[in-house]
Amino acid sequence: MQQLTVSFGVSVGAMLLGPFTWQSHELTPSRLHEVFLAMAVIPLLSLPGFRFLRPEDGMEISGHRRRGRGD
């Protein structure tokens, strides 16, 4: 699974290099920095979805239970 994730990141990075180097066709370190920054923003796009999670979401999978007041 880890290799798949790494190869996915490399693929997305390569796809983003196209639009970032469209006008100049030069591959410079500053273009790579822009692509890395854009790739860092992609996971941040999922953050608003976490606002809608309830405290009990995922209990069946993790096996954790909420403690009662007397515990």
PDB file of N, CA and C in Angstrom:
ATOM      1  N   MET A   1       0.813  -1.182   0.000  1.00  0.00           N
ATOM      2  CA  MET A   1       0.000   0.000   0.000  1.00  0.00           C
ATOM      3  C   MET A   1       0.866   1.258   0.000  1.00  0.00           C
ATOM      4  N   GLN A   2       1.986   1.204   0.722  1.00  0.00           N
ATOM      5  CA  GLN A   2       2.852   2.368   0.793  1.00  0.00           C
ATOM      6  C   GLN A   2       3.458   2.681  -0.573  1.00  0.00           C
ATOM      7  N   GLN A   3       3.849   1.656  -1.313  1.00  0.00           N
ATOM      8  CA  GLN A   3       4.400   1.886  -2.650  1.00  0.00           C
ATOM      9  C   GLN A   3       3.359   2.501  -3.567  1.00  0.00           C
ATOM     10  N   LEU A   4       2.127   2.070  -3.439  1.00  0.00           N
ATOM     11  CA  LEU A   4       1.051   2.627  -4.253  1.00  0.00           C
ATOM     12  C   LEU A   4       0.849   4.097  -3.934  1.00  0.00           C
ATOM     13  N   THR A   5       0.913   4.453  -2.666  1.00  0.00           N
ATOM     14  CA  THR A   5       0.750   5.845  -2.263  1.00  0.00           C
ATOM     15  C   THR A   5       1.888   6.706  -2.791  1.00  0.00           C
ATOM     16  N   VAL A   6       3.101   6.205  -2.705  1.00  0.00           N
ATOM     17  CA  VAL A   6       4.250   6.958  -3.208  1.00  0.00           C
ATOM     18  C   VAL A   6       4.153   7.139  -4.716  1.00  0.00           C
ATOM     19  N   SER A   7       3.803   6.090  -5.433  1.00  0.00           N
ATOM     20  CA  SER A   7       3.695   6.211  -6.887  1.00  0.00           C
ATOM     21  C   SER A   7       2.553   7.143  -7.281  1.00  0.00           C
ATOM     22  N   PHE A   8       1.481   7.160  -6.486  1.00  0.00           N
ATOM     23  CA  PHE A   8       0.395   8.096  -6.756  1.00  0.00           C
ATOM     24  C   PHE A   8       0.881   9.533  -6.573  1.00  0.00           C
ATOM     25  N   GLY A   9       1.664   9.791  -5.530  1.00  0.00           N
ATOM     26  CA  GLY A   9       2.207  11.127  -5.306  1.00  0.00           C
ATOM     27  C   GLY A   9       3.140  11.564  -6.415  1.00  0.00           C
ATOM     28  N   VAL A  10       3.959  10.654  -6.895  1.00  0.00           N
ATOM     29  CA  VAL A  10       4.865  10.974  -7.999  1.00  0.00           C
ATOM     30  C   VAL A  10       4.065  11.277  -9.261  1.00  0.00           C
ATOM     31  N   SER A  11       3.018  10.518  -9.501  1.00  0.00           N
ATOM     32  CA  SER A  11       2.184  10.734 -10.690  1.00  0.00           C
ATOM     33  C   SER A  11       1.474  12.083 -10.632  1.00  0.00           C
ATOM     34  N   VAL A  12       0.924  12.408  -9.481  1.00  0.00           N
ATOM     35  CA  VAL A  12       0.233  13.697  -9.339  1.00  0.00           C
ATOM     36  C   VAL A  12       1.237  14.843  -9.489  1.00  0.00           C
ATOM     37  N   GLY A  13       2.410  14.687  -8.908  1.00  0.00           N
ATOM     38  CA  GLY A  13       3.441  15.710  -9.055  1.00  0.00           C
ATOM     39  C   GLY A  13       3.847  15.919 -10.506  1.00  0.00           C
ATOM     40  N   ALA A  14       3.989  14.822 -11.240  1.00  0.00           N
ATOM     41  CA  ALA A  14       4.349  14.931 -12.660  1.00  0.00           C
ATOM     42  C   ALA A  14       3.230  15.587 -13.459  1.00  0.00           C
ATOM     43  N   MET A  15       1.982  15.267 -13.109  1.00  0.00           N
ATOM     44  CA  MET A  15       0.862  15.892 -13.825  1.00  0.00           C
ATOM     45  C   MET A  15       0.782  17.387 -13.518  1.00  0.00           C
ATOM     46  N   LEU A  16       1.113  17.775 -12.305  1.00  0.00           N
ATOM     47  CA  LEU A  16       1.069  19.193 -11.955  1.00  0.00           C
ATOM     48  C   LEU A  16       2.225  19.980 -12.567  1.00  0.00           C
ATOM     49  N   LEU A  17       3.312  19.316 -12.876  1.00  0.00           N
ATOM     50  CA  LEU A  17       4.434  20.022 -13.498  1.00  0.00           C
ATOM     51  C   LEU A  17       4.051  20.601 -14.855  1.00  0.00           C
ATOM     52  N   GLY A  18       3.163  19.930 -15.556  1.00  0.00           N
ATOM     53  CA  GLY A  18       2.734  20.418 -16.874  1.00  0.00           C
ATOM     54  C   GLY A  18       2.153  21.819 -16.819  1.00  0.00           C
ATOM     55  N   PRO A  19       1.103  22.036 -16.027  1.00  0.00           N
ATOM     56  CA  PRO A  19       0.532  23.385 -15.955  1.00  0.00           C
ATOM     57  C   PRO A  19       1.494  24.428 -15.364  1.00  0.00           C
ATOM     58  N   PHE A  20       2.363  24.019 -14.444  1.00  0.00           N
ATOM     59  CA  PHE A  20       3.269  24.985 -13.828  1.00  0.00           C
ATOM     60  C   PHE A  20       4.411  25.385 -14.763  1.00  0.00           C
ATOM     61  N   THR A  21       4.726  24.567 -15.747  1.00  0.00           N
ATOM     62  CA  THR A  21       5.806  24.905 -16.682  1.00  0.00           C
ATOM     63  C   THR A  21       5.265  25.171 -18.080  1.00  0.00           C
ATOM     64  N   TRP A  22       3.992  25.479 -18.179  1.00  0.00           N
ATOM     65  CA  TRP A  22       3.339  25.623 -19.485  1.00  0.00           C
ATOM     66  C   TRP A  22       3.950  26.736 -20.324  1.00  0.00           C
ATOM     67  N   GLN A  23       4.172  27.905 -19.760  1.00  0.00           N
ATOM     68  CA  GLN A  23       4.646  29.034 -20.555  1.00  0.00           C
ATOM     69  C   GLN A  23       6.140  28.994 -20.828  1.00  0.00           C
ATOM     70  N   SER A  24       6.936  28.684 -19.818  1.00  0.00           N
ATOM     71  CA  SER A  24       8.383  28.787 -19.998  1.00  0.00           C
ATOM     72  C   SER A  24       9.027  27.484 -20.454  1.00  0.00           C
ATOM     73  N   HIS A  25       8.407  26.355 -20.218  1.00  0.00           N
ATOM     74  CA  HIS A  25       8.955  25.028 -20.546  1.00  0.00           C
ATOM     75  C   HIS A  25      10.299  24.780 -19.883  1.00  0.00           C
ATOM     76  N   GLU A  26      10.561  25.508 -18.791  1.00  0.00           N
ATOM     77  CA  GLU A  26      11.800  25.309 -18.041  1.00  0.00           C
ATOM     78  C   GLU A  26      11.483  24.625 -16.726  1.00  0.00           C
ATOM     79  N   LEU A  27      12.280  23.627 -16.409  1.00  0.00           N
ATOM     80  CA  LEU A  27      12.116  22.913 -15.154  1.00  0.00           C
ATOM     81  C   LEU A  27      13.164  23.442 -14.185  1.00  0.00           C
ATOM     82  N   THR A  28      12.745  24.345 -13.320  1.00  0.00           N
ATOM     83  CA  THR A  28      13.654  24.972 -12.356  1.00  0.00           C
ATOM     84  C   THR A  28      13.250  24.566 -10.938  1.00  0.00           C
ATOM     85  N   PRO A  29      14.146  24.736  -9.978  1.00  0.00           N
ATOM     86  CA  PRO A  29      13.788  24.411  -8.589  1.00  0.00           C
ATOM     87  C   PRO A  29      12.571  25.192  -8.091  1.00  0.00           C
ATOM     88  N   SER A  30      12.403  26.429  -8.537  1.00  0.00           N
ATOM     89  CA  SER A  30      11.243  27.203  -8.083  1.00  0.00           C
ATOM     90  C   SER A  30       9.945  26.588  -8.604  1.00  0.00           C
ATOM     91  N   ARG A  31       9.952  26.010  -9.788  1.00  0.00           N
ATOM     92  CA  ARG A  31       8.756  25.327 -10.313  1.00  0.00           C
ATOM     93  C   ARG A  31       8.448  24.086  -9.476  1.00  0.00           C
ATOM     94  N   LEU A  32       9.499  23.360  -9.074  1.00  0.00           N
ATOM     95  CA  LEU A  32       9.283  22.185  -8.232  1.00  0.00           C
ATOM     96  C   LEU A  32       8.725  22.588  -6.868  1.00  0.00           C
ATOM     97  N   HIS A  33       9.190  23.707  -6.333  1.00  0.00           N
ATOM     98  CA  HIS A  33       8.664  24.187  -5.057  1.00  0.00           C
ATOM     99  C   HIS A  33       7.184  24.524  -5.179  1.00  0.00           C
ATOM    100  N   GLU A  34       6.801  25.130  -6.285  1.00  0.00           N
ATOM    101  CA  GLU A  34       5.386  25.459  -6.507  1.00  0.00           C
ATOM    102  C   GLU A  34       4.533  24.195  -6.575  1.00  0.00           C
ATOM    103  N   VAL A  35       5.057  23.168  -7.231  1.00  0.00           N
ATOM    104  CA  VAL A  35       4.326  21.906  -7.337  1.00  0.00           C
ATOM    105  C   VAL A  35       4.207  21.241  -5.968  1.00  0.00           C
ATOM    106  N   PHE A  36       5.284  21.254  -5.187  1.00  0.00           N
ATOM    107  CA  PHE A  36       5.219  20.659  -3.844  1.00  0.00           C
ATOM    108  C   PHE A  36       4.210  21.396  -2.964  1.00  0.00           C
ATOM    109  N   LEU A  37       4.158  22.707  -3.094  1.00  0.00           N
ATOM    110  CA  LEU A  37       3.183  23.487  -2.333  1.00  0.00           C
ATOM    111  C   LEU A  37       1.762  23.141  -2.766  1.00  0.00           C
ATOM    112  N   ALA A  38       1.549  23.005  -4.074  1.00  0.00           N
ATOM    113  CA  ALA A  38       0.225  22.632  -4.573  1.00  0.00           C
ATOM    114  C   ALA A  38      -0.172  21.242  -4.089  1.00  0.00           C
ATOM    115  N   MET A  39       0.790  20.336  -4.034  1.00  0.00           N
ATOM    116  CA  MET A  39       0.488  18.986  -3.551  1.00  0.00           C
ATOM    117  C   MET A  39       0.197  18.979  -2.051  1.00  0.00           C
ATOM    118  N   ALA A  40       0.765  19.920  -1.313  1.00  0.00           N
ATOM    119  CA  ALA A  40       0.472  20.011   0.120  1.00  0.00           C
ATOM    120  C   ALA A  40      -0.932  20.541   0.359  1.00  0.00           C
ATOM    121  N   VAL A  41      -1.466  21.295  -0.584  1.00  0.00           N
ATOM    122  CA  VAL A  41      -2.816  21.858  -0.444  1.00  0.00           C
ATOM    123  C   VAL A  41      -3.879  20.791  -0.702  1.00  0.00           C
ATOM    124  N   ILE A  42      -3.575  19.819  -1.522  1.00  0.00           N
ATOM    125  CA  ILE A  42      -4.578  18.796  -1.894  1.00  0.00           C
ATOM    126  C   ILE A  42      -5.149  18.090  -0.664  1.00  0.00           C
ATOM    127  N   PRO A  43      -4.339  17.578   0.277  1.00  0.00           N
ATOM    128  CA  PRO A  43      -4.946  16.945   1.459  1.00  0.00           C
ATOM    129  C   PRO A  43      -5.717  17.924   2.340  1.00  0.00           C
ATOM    130  N   LEU A  44      -5.333  19.193   2.318  1.00  0.00           N
ATOM    131  CA  LEU A  44      -6.028  20.184   3.132  1.00  0.00           C
ATOM    132  C   LEU A  44      -7.470  20.393   2.666  1.00  0.00           C
ATOM    133  N   LEU A  45      -7.739  20.061   1.414  1.00  0.00           N
ATOM    134  CA  LEU A  45      -9.094  20.214   0.890  1.00  0.00           C
ATOM    135  C   LEU A  45     -10.087  19.284   1.571  1.00  0.00           C
ATOM    136  N   SER A  46      -9.600  18.228   2.207  1.00  0.00           N
ATOM    137  CA  SER A  46     -10.500  17.288   2.889  1.00  0.00           C
ATOM    138  C   SER A  46     -10.848  17.721   4.310  1.00  0.00           C
ATOM    139  N   LEU A  47     -10.173  18.713   4.844  1.00  0.00           N
ATOM    140  CA  LEU A  47     -10.403  19.125   6.227  1.00  0.00           C
ATOM    141  C   LEU A  47     -11.840  19.555   6.530  1.00  0.00           C
ATOM    142  N   PRO A  48     -12.524  20.285   5.666  1.00  0.00           N
ATOM    143  CA  PRO A  48     -13.905  20.662   6.007  1.00  0.00           C
ATOM    144  C   PRO A  48     -14.818  19.462   6.242  1.00  0.00           C
ATOM    145  N   GLY A  49     -14.558  18.350   5.619  1.00  0.00           N
ATOM    146  CA  GLY A  49     -15.379  17.166   5.817  1.00  0.00           C
ATOM    147  C   GLY A  49     -15.294  16.604   7.220  1.00  0.00           C
ATOM    148  N   PHE A  50     -14.181  16.841   7.912  1.00  0.00           N
ATOM    149  CA  PHE A  50     -14.021  16.343   9.274  1.00  0.00           C
ATOM    150  C   PHE A  50     -14.893  17.098  10.277  1.00  0.00           C
ATOM    151  N   ARG A  51     -15.360  18.275   9.910  1.00  0.00           N
ATOM    152  CA  ARG A  51     -16.226  19.032  10.819  1.00  0.00           C
ATOM    153  C   ARG A  51     -17.545  18.319  11.076  1.00  0.00           C
ATOM    154  N   PHE A  52     -17.961  17.486  10.151  1.00  0.00           N
ATOM    155  CA  PHE A  52     -19.258  16.828  10.253  1.00  0.00           C
ATOM    156  C   PHE A  52     -19.191  15.477  10.961  1.00  0.00           C
ATOM    157  N   LEU A  53     -18.020  15.062  11.396  1.00  0.00           N
ATOM    158  CA  LEU A  53     -17.895  13.793  12.111  1.00  0.00           C
ATOM    159  C   LEU A  53     -18.399  13.939  13.549  1.00  0.00           C
ATOM    160  N   ARG A  54     -19.087  12.936  13.997  1.00  0.00           N
ATOM    161  CA  ARG A  54     -19.571  12.898  15.376  1.00  0.00           C
ATOM    162  C   ARG A  54     -18.572  12.123  16.234  1.00  0.00           C
ATOM    163  N   PRO A  55     -18.591  12.310  17.538  1.00  0.00           N
ATOM    164  CA  PRO A  55     -17.640  11.591  18.402  1.00  0.00           C
ATOM    165  C   PRO A  55     -17.758  10.073  18.296  1.00  0.00           C
ATOM    166  N   GLU A  56     -18.938   9.558  18.000  1.00  0.00           N
ATOM    167  CA  GLU A  56     -19.123   8.104  17.941  1.00  0.00           C
ATOM    168  C   GLU A  56     -18.829   7.520  16.559  1.00  0.00           C
ATOM    169  N   ASP A  57     -18.519   8.336  15.590  1.00  0.00           N
ATOM    170  CA  ASP A  57     -18.190   7.823  14.257  1.00  0.00           C
ATOM    171  C   ASP A  57     -16.898   7.009  14.311  1.00  0.00           C
ATOM    172  N   GLY A  58     -16.924   5.832  13.746  1.00  0.00           N
ATOM    173  CA  GLY A  58     -15.745   4.977  13.692  1.00  0.00           C
ATOM    174  C   GLY A  58     -15.582   4.036  14.869  1.00  0.00           C
ATOM    175  N   MET A  59     -16.521   4.049  15.795  1.00  0.00           N
ATOM    176  CA  MET A  59     -16.386   3.183  16.974  1.00  0.00           C
ATOM    177  C   MET A  59     -16.385   1.702  16.623  1.00  0.00           C
ATOM    178  N   GLU A  60     -17.190   1.313  15.660  1.00  0.00           N
ATOM    179  CA  GLU A  60     -17.264  -0.103  15.299  1.00  0.00           C
ATOM    180  C   GLU A  60     -15.949  -0.602  14.721  1.00  0.00           C
ATOM    181  N   ILE A  61     -15.278   0.228  13.980  1.00  0.00           N
ATOM    182  CA  ILE A  61     -14.031  -0.196  13.352  1.00  0.00           C
ATOM    183  C   ILE A  61     -12.875  -0.159  14.343  1.00  0.00           C
ATOM    184  N   SER A  62     -12.790   0.902  15.143  1.00  0.00           N
ATOM    185  CA  SER A  62     -11.662   1.032  16.067  1.00  0.00           C
ATOM    186  C   SER A  62     -11.822   0.167  17.305  1.00  0.00           C
ATOM    187  N   GLY A  63     -13.067  -0.128  17.688  1.00  0.00           N
ATOM    188  CA  GLY A  63     -13.302  -0.915  18.886  1.00  0.00           C
ATOM    189  C   GLY A  63     -13.304  -0.077  20.161  1.00  0.00           C
ATOM    190  N   HIS A  64     -13.106   1.225  20.045  1.00  0.00           N
ATOM    191  CA  HIS A  64     -13.124   2.096  21.210  1.00  0.00           C
ATOM    192  C   HIS A  64     -14.565   2.411  21.581  1.00  0.00           C
ATOM    193  N   ARG A  65     -14.782   2.584  22.853  1.00  0.00           N
ATOM    194  CA  ARG A  65     -16.093   2.971  23.367  1.00  0.00           C
ATOM    195  C   ARG A  65     -15.925   4.226  24.201  1.00  0.00           C
ATOM    196  N   ARG A  66     -16.938   5.049  24.190  1.00  0.00           N
ATOM    197  CA  ARG A  66     -16.927   6.248  25.033  1.00  0.00           C
ATOM    198  C   ARG A  66     -17.156   5.842  26.474  1.00  0.00           C
ATOM    199  N   ARG A  67     -16.463   6.478  27.357  1.00  0.00           N
ATOM    200  CA  ARG A  67     -16.637   6.198  28.786  1.00  0.00           C
ATOM    201  C   ARG A  67     -17.887   6.899  29.289  1.00  0.00           C
ATOM    202  N   GLY A  68     -18.561   6.228  30.181  1.00  0.00           N
ATOM    203  CA  GLY A  68     -19.711   6.845  30.819  1.00  0.00           C
ATOM    204  C   GLY A  68     -19.260   7.781  31.922  1.00  0.00           C
ATOM    205  N   ARG A  69     -20.178   8.481  32.513  1.00  0.00           N
ATOM    206  CA  ARG A  69     -19.825   9.432  33.575  1.00  0.00           C
ATOM    207  C   ARG A  69     -19.285   8.734  34.810  1.00  0.00           C
ATOM    208  N   GLY A  70     -19.730   7.516  35.091  1.00  0.00           N
ATOM    209  CA  GLY A  70     -19.289   6.819  36.299  1.00  0.00           C
ATOM    210  C   GLY A  70     -18.015   6.014  36.112  1.00  0.00           C
ATOM    211  N   ASP A  71     -17.464   5.954  34.904  1.00  0.00           N
ATOM    212  CA  ASP A  71     -16.278   5.127  34.647  1.00  0.00           C
ATOM    213  C   ASP A  71     -15.003   5.822  35.013  1.00  0.00           C
TER     214      ASP A  71
END
